[in-house]
Amino acid sequence: KLIWEKPLLVPPGLMEAVRIFEDHFAVAGNQPIIILGPTGVGKTLFLYLAKQLFKKAHQNEEHVPPIIEANCGHFAGRERDVNITRSELFGHVKGAYSGAIKNKNGLVHDANGGLLILEEIGELPPETQAMLLTFLETGEYRRVGDNESLTAKVRIVGATNHERDLRKDFRYRFFPFYVPPLRERKSDV
């Protein structure tokens, strides 16, 4: 049984998927997980579940690891400026690009030792996906405009309904979890 911060309403058609996800999360270990499914199937529910499972796994520790959440659609934007998305994830140094008026730590730095939840990960530009892939494989990253590599240990859980927009090498680095579509859960409509 999980300990929830607030009452969790799970549609009947997702009850089995929730039980499966609990096992999926445990089996994945520290591997990154990607939650996939069409719009409106309940991917956010599984992001919330990942957050609660992570908290439960670390509840007896003296220092609870950080949990950082971000929606990649908020900083990718239509123009998909690689500097902005890379800066959001990895940070930048002062003067790296116009608007970089001071050093900034990114989400990876802030989540070091903890969990990074990336909603709409499919909105990231392919170049940023490649940079995130390098981080997933090596644990190393560079801030925009920095010559030195930094390291971090972060567990990543992402979600998207744009699986086709993911680079193949990036997509296959994740342990996938598919949320059942509504057509298979007509009682939930």
C-alpha atoms as a PDB file:
ATOM      1  CA  LYS A   1       0.000   0.000   0.000  1.00  0.00           C
ATOM      2  CA  LEU A   2       1.240   3.439  -0.831  1.00  0.00           C
ATOM      3  CA  ILE A   3       1.106   6.457   1.426  1.00  0.00           C
ATOM      4  CA  TRP A   4      -0.429   9.315  -0.584  1.00  0.00           C
ATOM      5  CA  GLU A   5      -0.214  13.026   0.152  1.00  0.00           C
ATOM      6  CA  LYS A   6      -3.764  13.506  -1.028  1.00  0.00           C
ATOM      7  CA  PRO A   7      -6.607  11.191  -2.005  1.00  0.00           C
ATOM      8  CA  LEU A   8      -5.815   9.598  -5.332  1.00  0.00           C
ATOM      9  CA  LEU A   9      -8.679   8.991  -7.703  1.00  0.00           C
ATOM     10  CA  VAL A  10      -7.804   6.258 -10.162  1.00  0.00           C
ATOM     11  CA  PRO A  11     -10.260   5.430 -12.951  1.00  0.00           C
ATOM     12  CA  PRO A  12     -11.291   1.753 -12.783  1.00  0.00           C
ATOM     13  CA  GLY A  13      -9.668   1.034 -16.139  1.00  0.00           C
ATOM     14  CA  LEU A  14      -6.272   2.139 -14.808  1.00  0.00           C
ATOM     15  CA  MET A  15      -6.246   0.183 -11.533  1.00  0.00           C
ATOM     16  CA  GLU A  16      -4.304  -2.715 -13.027  1.00  0.00           C
ATOM     17  CA  ALA A  17      -1.957  -0.305 -14.844  1.00  0.00           C
ATOM     18  CA  VAL A  18      -1.188   1.412 -11.518  1.00  0.00           C
ATOM     19  CA  ARG A  19      -0.257  -1.941  -9.952  1.00  0.00           C
ATOM     20  CA  ILE A  20       1.909  -2.786 -12.963  1.00  0.00           C
ATOM     21  CA  PHE A  21       3.602   0.638 -12.833  1.00  0.00           C
ATOM     22  CA  GLU A  22       4.570   0.121  -9.186  1.00  0.00           C
ATOM     23  CA  ASP A  23       6.462  -3.028 -10.247  1.00  0.00           C
ATOM     24  CA  HIS A  24       7.795  -1.277 -13.371  1.00  0.00           C
ATOM     25  CA  PHE A  25       9.240   1.533 -11.243  1.00  0.00           C
ATOM     26  CA  ALA A  26      10.919  -0.946  -8.886  1.00  0.00           C
ATOM     27  CA  VAL A  27      12.337  -3.120 -11.681  1.00  0.00           C
ATOM     28  CA  ALA A  28      13.724  -0.087 -13.540  1.00  0.00           C
ATOM     29  CA  GLY A  29      16.088   0.628 -10.654  1.00  0.00           C
ATOM     30  CA  ASN A  30      17.919   3.825 -11.542  1.00  0.00           C
ATOM     31  CA  GLN A  31      17.208   3.495 -15.256  1.00  0.00           C
ATOM     32  CA  PRO A  32      15.241   6.359 -16.789  1.00  0.00           C
ATOM     33  CA  ILE A  33      11.550   5.686 -17.391  1.00  0.00           C
ATOM     34  CA  ILE A  34       9.369   7.153 -20.113  1.00  0.00           C
ATOM     35  CA  ILE A  35       5.591   7.109 -19.813  1.00  0.00           C
ATOM     36  CA  LEU A  36       3.948   6.954 -23.226  1.00  0.00           C
ATOM     37  CA  GLY A  37       0.363   7.272 -24.406  1.00  0.00           C
ATOM     38  CA  PRO A  38      -2.053   9.453 -26.345  1.00  0.00           C
ATOM     39  CA  THR A  39      -3.347  12.768 -25.014  1.00  0.00           C
ATOM     40  CA  GLY A  40      -5.750  12.439 -22.108  1.00  0.00           C
ATOM     41  CA  VAL A  41      -4.986   8.866 -21.027  1.00  0.00           C
ATOM     42  CA  GLY A  42      -3.626   9.769 -17.594  1.00  0.00           C
ATOM     43  CA  LYS A  43       0.157  10.074 -17.980  1.00  0.00           C
ATOM     44  CA  THR A  44       0.213  12.761 -15.273  1.00  0.00           C
ATOM     45  CA  LEU A  45      -1.247  10.251 -12.818  1.00  0.00           C
ATOM     46  CA  PHE A  46       1.773   8.008 -13.415  1.00  0.00           C
ATOM     47  CA  LEU A  47       4.206  10.929 -13.011  1.00  0.00           C
ATOM     48  CA  TYR A  48       2.559  11.620  -9.656  1.00  0.00           C
ATOM     49  CA  LEU A  49       2.821   7.928  -8.814  1.00  0.00           C
ATOM     50  CA  ALA A  50       6.555   7.930  -9.691  1.00  0.00           C
ATOM     51  CA  LYS A  51       7.061  10.875  -7.354  1.00  0.00           C
ATOM     52  CA  GLN A  52       5.254   9.086  -4.505  1.00  0.00           C
ATOM     53  CA  LEU A  53       7.135   5.823  -5.093  1.00  0.00           C
ATOM     54  CA  PHE A  54      10.447   7.709  -5.031  1.00  0.00           C
ATOM     55  CA  LYS A  55       9.482   9.437  -1.776  1.00  0.00           C
ATOM     56  CA  LYS A  56       8.450   6.137  -0.238  1.00  0.00           C
ATOM     57  CA  ALA A  57      11.746   4.503  -1.247  1.00  0.00           C
ATOM     58  CA  HIS A  58      13.662   7.276   0.541  1.00  0.00           C
ATOM     59  CA  GLN A  59      11.342   7.903   3.497  1.00  0.00           C
ATOM     60  CA  ASN A  60      13.758   6.504   6.103  1.00  0.00           C
ATOM     61  CA  GLU A  61      16.749   8.516   4.973  1.00  0.00           C
ATOM     62  CA  GLU A  62      17.978  11.446   7.027  1.00  0.00           C
ATOM     63  CA  HIS A  63      18.138  13.699   3.971  1.00  0.00           C
ATOM     64  CA  VAL A  64      15.304  13.249   1.470  1.00  0.00           C
ATOM     65  CA  PRO A  65      16.679  13.584  -2.077  1.00  0.00           C
ATOM     66  CA  PRO A  66      15.281  16.443  -4.191  1.00  0.00           C
ATOM     67  CA  ILE A  67      12.378  15.954  -6.564  1.00  0.00           C
ATOM     68  CA  ILE A  68      12.327  18.481  -9.395  1.00  0.00           C
ATOM     69  CA  GLU A  69       9.439  18.689 -11.858  1.00  0.00           C
ATOM     70  CA  ALA A  70       9.305  20.562 -15.160  1.00  0.00           C
ATOM     71  CA  ASN A  71       7.176  20.658 -18.275  1.00  0.00           C
ATOM     72  CA  CYS A  72       9.528  20.716 -21.278  1.00  0.00           C
ATOM     73  CA  GLY A  73       6.792  22.331 -23.374  1.00  0.00           C
ATOM     74  CA  HIS A  74       7.116  25.454 -21.214  1.00  0.00           C
ATOM     75  CA  PHE A  75      10.711  26.119 -22.117  1.00  0.00           C
ATOM     76  CA  ALA A  76      11.024  24.517 -25.540  1.00  0.00           C
ATOM     77  CA  GLY A  77       8.512  26.802 -27.217  1.00  0.00           C
ATOM     78  CA  ARG A  78       7.704  27.016 -30.909  1.00  0.00           C
ATOM     79  CA  GLU A  79      11.156  28.200 -31.872  1.00  0.00           C
ATOM     80  CA  ARG A  80      12.780  25.378 -29.895  1.00  0.00           C
ATOM     81  CA  ASP A  81      15.875  27.426 -29.136  1.00  0.00           C
ATOM     82  CA  VAL A  82      18.519  24.878 -28.215  1.00  0.00           C
ATOM     83  CA  ASN A  83      20.300  27.363 -25.917  1.00  0.00           C
ATOM     84  CA  ILE A  84      17.150  27.941 -23.878  1.00  0.00           C
ATOM     85  CA  THR A  85      16.244  24.271 -23.527  1.00  0.00           C
ATOM     86  CA  ARG A  86      19.847  23.310 -22.785  1.00  0.00           C
ATOM     87  CA  SER A  87      20.077  26.141 -20.257  1.00  0.00           C
ATOM     88  CA  GLU A  88      16.906  24.987 -18.515  1.00  0.00           C
ATOM     89  CA  LEU A  89      18.231  21.447 -18.220  1.00  0.00           C
ATOM     90  CA  PHE A  90      21.940  22.021 -17.681  1.00  0.00           C
ATOM     91  CA  GLY A  91      22.358  25.718 -16.799  1.00  0.00           C
ATOM     92  CA  HIS A  92      24.577  28.375 -18.373  1.00  0.00           C
ATOM     93  CA  VAL A  93      27.449  30.699 -17.571  1.00  0.00           C
ATOM     94  CA  LYS A  94      27.231  34.457 -17.703  1.00  0.00           C
ATOM     95  CA  GLY A  95      27.564  35.751 -21.273  1.00  0.00           C
ATOM     96  CA  ALA A  96      26.928  32.377 -22.928  1.00  0.00           C
ATOM     97  CA  TYR A  97      24.212  33.952 -25.092  1.00  0.00           C
ATOM     98  CA  SER A  98      22.165  37.149 -25.146  1.00  0.00           C
ATOM     99  CA  GLY A  99      20.117  37.255 -22.016  1.00  0.00           C
ATOM    100  CA  ALA A 100      22.562  35.153 -19.965  1.00  0.00           C
ATOM    101  CA  ILE A 101      23.364  37.985 -17.540  1.00  0.00           C
ATOM    102  CA  LYS A 102      24.470  35.713 -14.680  1.00  0.00           C
ATOM    103  CA  ASN A 103      25.401  32.088 -14.046  1.00  0.00           C
ATOM    104  CA  LYS A 104      22.473  29.709 -13.747  1.00  0.00           C
ATOM    105  CA  ASN A 105      22.212  26.160 -12.459  1.00  0.00           C
ATOM    106  CA  GLY A 106      19.921  23.909 -14.463  1.00  0.00           C
ATOM    107  CA  LEU A 107      17.346  21.316 -13.497  1.00  0.00           C
ATOM    108  CA  VAL A 108      19.922  18.511 -13.571  1.00  0.00           C
ATOM    109  CA  HIS A 109      22.046  20.318 -10.988  1.00  0.00           C
ATOM    110  CA  ASP A 110      19.015  21.017  -8.808  1.00  0.00           C
ATOM    111  CA  ALA A 111      17.896  17.361  -8.964  1.00  0.00           C
ATOM    112  CA  ASN A 112      21.374  15.936  -8.246  1.00  0.00           C
ATOM    113  CA  GLY A 113      20.980  12.853  -6.058  1.00  0.00           C
ATOM    114  CA  GLY A 114      17.232  12.801  -6.612  1.00  0.00           C
ATOM    115  CA  LEU A 115      14.443  12.558  -9.159  1.00  0.00           C
ATOM    116  CA  LEU A 116      13.844  14.733 -12.228  1.00  0.00           C
ATOM    117  CA  ILE A 117      10.334  14.512 -13.690  1.00  0.00           C
ATOM    118  CA  LEU A 118      10.110  15.833 -17.256  1.00  0.00           C
ATOM    119  CA  GLU A 119       6.582  16.161 -18.565  1.00  0.00           C
ATOM    120  CA  GLU A 120       6.239  16.573 -22.362  1.00  0.00           C
ATOM    121  CA  ILE A 121       9.813  15.361 -22.903  1.00  0.00           C
ATOM    122  CA  GLY A 122       8.924  14.901 -26.586  1.00  0.00           C
ATOM    123  CA  GLU A 123       8.851  18.709 -26.938  1.00  0.00           C
ATOM    124  CA  LEU A 124      12.632  18.889 -26.535  1.00  0.00           C
ATOM    125  CA  PRO A 125      14.512  19.703 -29.737  1.00  0.00           C
ATOM    126  CA  PRO A 126      16.531  16.784 -31.170  1.00  0.00           C
ATOM    127  CA  GLU A 127      19.812  18.524 -30.273  1.00  0.00           C
ATOM    128  CA  THR A 128      18.765  18.808 -26.634  1.00  0.00           C
ATOM    129  CA  GLN A 129      17.619  15.180 -26.641  1.00  0.00           C
ATOM    130  CA  ALA A 130      21.141  14.256 -27.791  1.00  0.00           C
ATOM    131  CA  MET A 131      22.649  16.257 -24.931  1.00  0.00           C
ATOM    132  CA  LEU A 132      20.311  14.635 -22.435  1.00  0.00           C
ATOM    133  CA  LEU A 133      21.172  11.228 -23.910  1.00  0.00           C
ATOM    134  CA  THR A 134      24.869  11.914 -23.277  1.00  0.00           C
ATOM    135  CA  PHE A 135      24.035  12.825 -19.690  1.00  0.00           C
ATOM    136  CA  LEU A 136      21.975   9.630 -19.248  1.00  0.00           C
ATOM    137  CA  GLU A 137      24.881   7.526 -20.513  1.00  0.00           C
ATOM    138  CA  THR A 138      27.778   9.243 -18.746  1.00  0.00           C
ATOM    139  CA  GLY A 139      26.348  11.313 -15.890  1.00  0.00           C
ATOM    140  CA  GLU A 140      28.272  14.275 -17.313  1.00  0.00           C
ATOM    141  CA  TYR A 141      26.957  17.534 -18.750  1.00  0.00           C
ATOM    142  CA  ARG A 142      28.104  21.027 -19.619  1.00  0.00           C
ATOM    143  CA  ARG A 143      26.402  24.291 -18.928  1.00  0.00           C
ATOM    144  CA  VAL A 144      25.878  26.479 -21.992  1.00  0.00           C
ATOM    145  CA  GLY A 145      29.107  28.425 -22.571  1.00  0.00           C
ATOM    146  CA  ASP A 146      31.146  26.361 -20.102  1.00  0.00           C
ATOM    147  CA  ASN A 147      34.314  24.482 -21.076  1.00  0.00           C
ATOM    148  CA  GLU A 148      34.269  22.147 -18.096  1.00  0.00           C
ATOM    149  CA  SER A 149      32.068  19.116 -17.617  1.00  0.00           C
ATOM    150  CA  LEU A 150      30.071  18.644 -14.441  1.00  0.00           C
ATOM    151  CA  THR A 151      28.605  15.427 -13.067  1.00  0.00           C
ATOM    152  CA  ALA A 152      25.307  14.572 -11.441  1.00  0.00           C
ATOM    153  CA  LYS A 153      23.408  11.452 -10.469  1.00  0.00           C
ATOM    154  CA  VAL A 154      19.742  11.889 -11.328  1.00  0.00           C
ATOM    155  CA  ARG A 155      16.894   9.450 -11.865  1.00  0.00           C
ATOM    156  CA  ILE A 156      14.732  10.703 -14.748  1.00  0.00           C
ATOM    157  CA  VAL A 157      11.070   9.964 -15.401  1.00  0.00           C
ATOM    158  CA  GLY A 158       9.626  11.541 -18.525  1.00  0.00           C
ATOM    159  CA  ALA A 159       6.247  11.497 -20.237  1.00  0.00           C
ATOM    160  CA  THR A 160       5.083  12.309 -23.745  1.00  0.00           C
ATOM    161  CA  ASN A 161       2.365  11.676 -26.272  1.00  0.00           C
ATOM    162  CA  HIS A 162       4.843  12.490 -29.069  1.00  0.00           C
ATOM    163  CA  GLU A 163       6.834   9.265 -29.196  1.00  0.00           C
ATOM    164  CA  ARG A 164       7.487   9.791 -32.918  1.00  0.00           C
ATOM    165  CA  ASP A 165       9.270  13.091 -32.146  1.00  0.00           C
ATOM    166  CA  LEU A 166      11.867  11.351 -29.983  1.00  0.00           C
ATOM    167  CA  ARG A 167      15.244  10.509 -31.462  1.00  0.00           C
ATOM    168  CA  LYS A 168      15.496   6.726 -31.714  1.00  0.00           C
ATOM    169  CA  ASP A 169      18.723   6.538 -29.712  1.00  0.00           C
ATOM    170  CA  PHE A 170      17.179   8.763 -27.037  1.00  0.00           C
ATOM    171  CA  ARG A 171      13.895   6.852 -26.937  1.00  0.00           C
ATOM    172  CA  TYR A 172      15.594   3.476 -26.585  1.00  0.00           C
ATOM    173  CA  ARG A 173      17.626   4.650 -23.584  1.00  0.00           C
ATOM    174  CA  PHE A 174      14.404   4.781 -21.514  1.00  0.00           C
ATOM    175  CA  PHE A 175      12.527   1.929 -19.847  1.00  0.00           C
ATOM    176  CA  PRO A 176       9.081   2.472 -21.471  1.00  0.00           C
ATOM    177  CA  PHE A 177       5.680   2.266 -19.790  1.00  0.00           C
ATOM    178  CA  TYR A 178       2.610   2.491 -22.006  1.00  0.00           C
ATOM    179  CA  VAL A 179      -0.615   3.856 -20.496  1.00  0.00           C
ATOM    180  CA  PRO A 180      -3.597   1.979 -21.920  1.00  0.00           C
ATOM    181  CA  PRO A 181      -5.532   4.137 -24.419  1.00  0.00           C
ATOM    182  CA  LEU A 182      -9.127   5.156 -23.707  1.00  0.00           C
ATOM    183  CA  ARG A 183     -10.442   2.886 -26.463  1.00  0.00           C
ATOM    184  CA  GLU A 184      -9.389  -0.026 -24.240  1.00  0.00           C
ATOM    185  CA  ARG A 185     -10.987   1.582 -21.154  1.00  0.00           C
ATOM    186  CA  LYS A 186     -14.409   2.634 -22.407  1.00  0.00           C
ATOM    187  CA  SER A 187     -15.865   2.436 -18.892  1.00  0.00           C
ATOM    188  CA  ASP A 188     -13.535   5.317 -17.891  1.00  0.00           C
ATOM    189  CA  VAL A 189     -15.025   7.726 -20.445  1.00  0.00           C
END
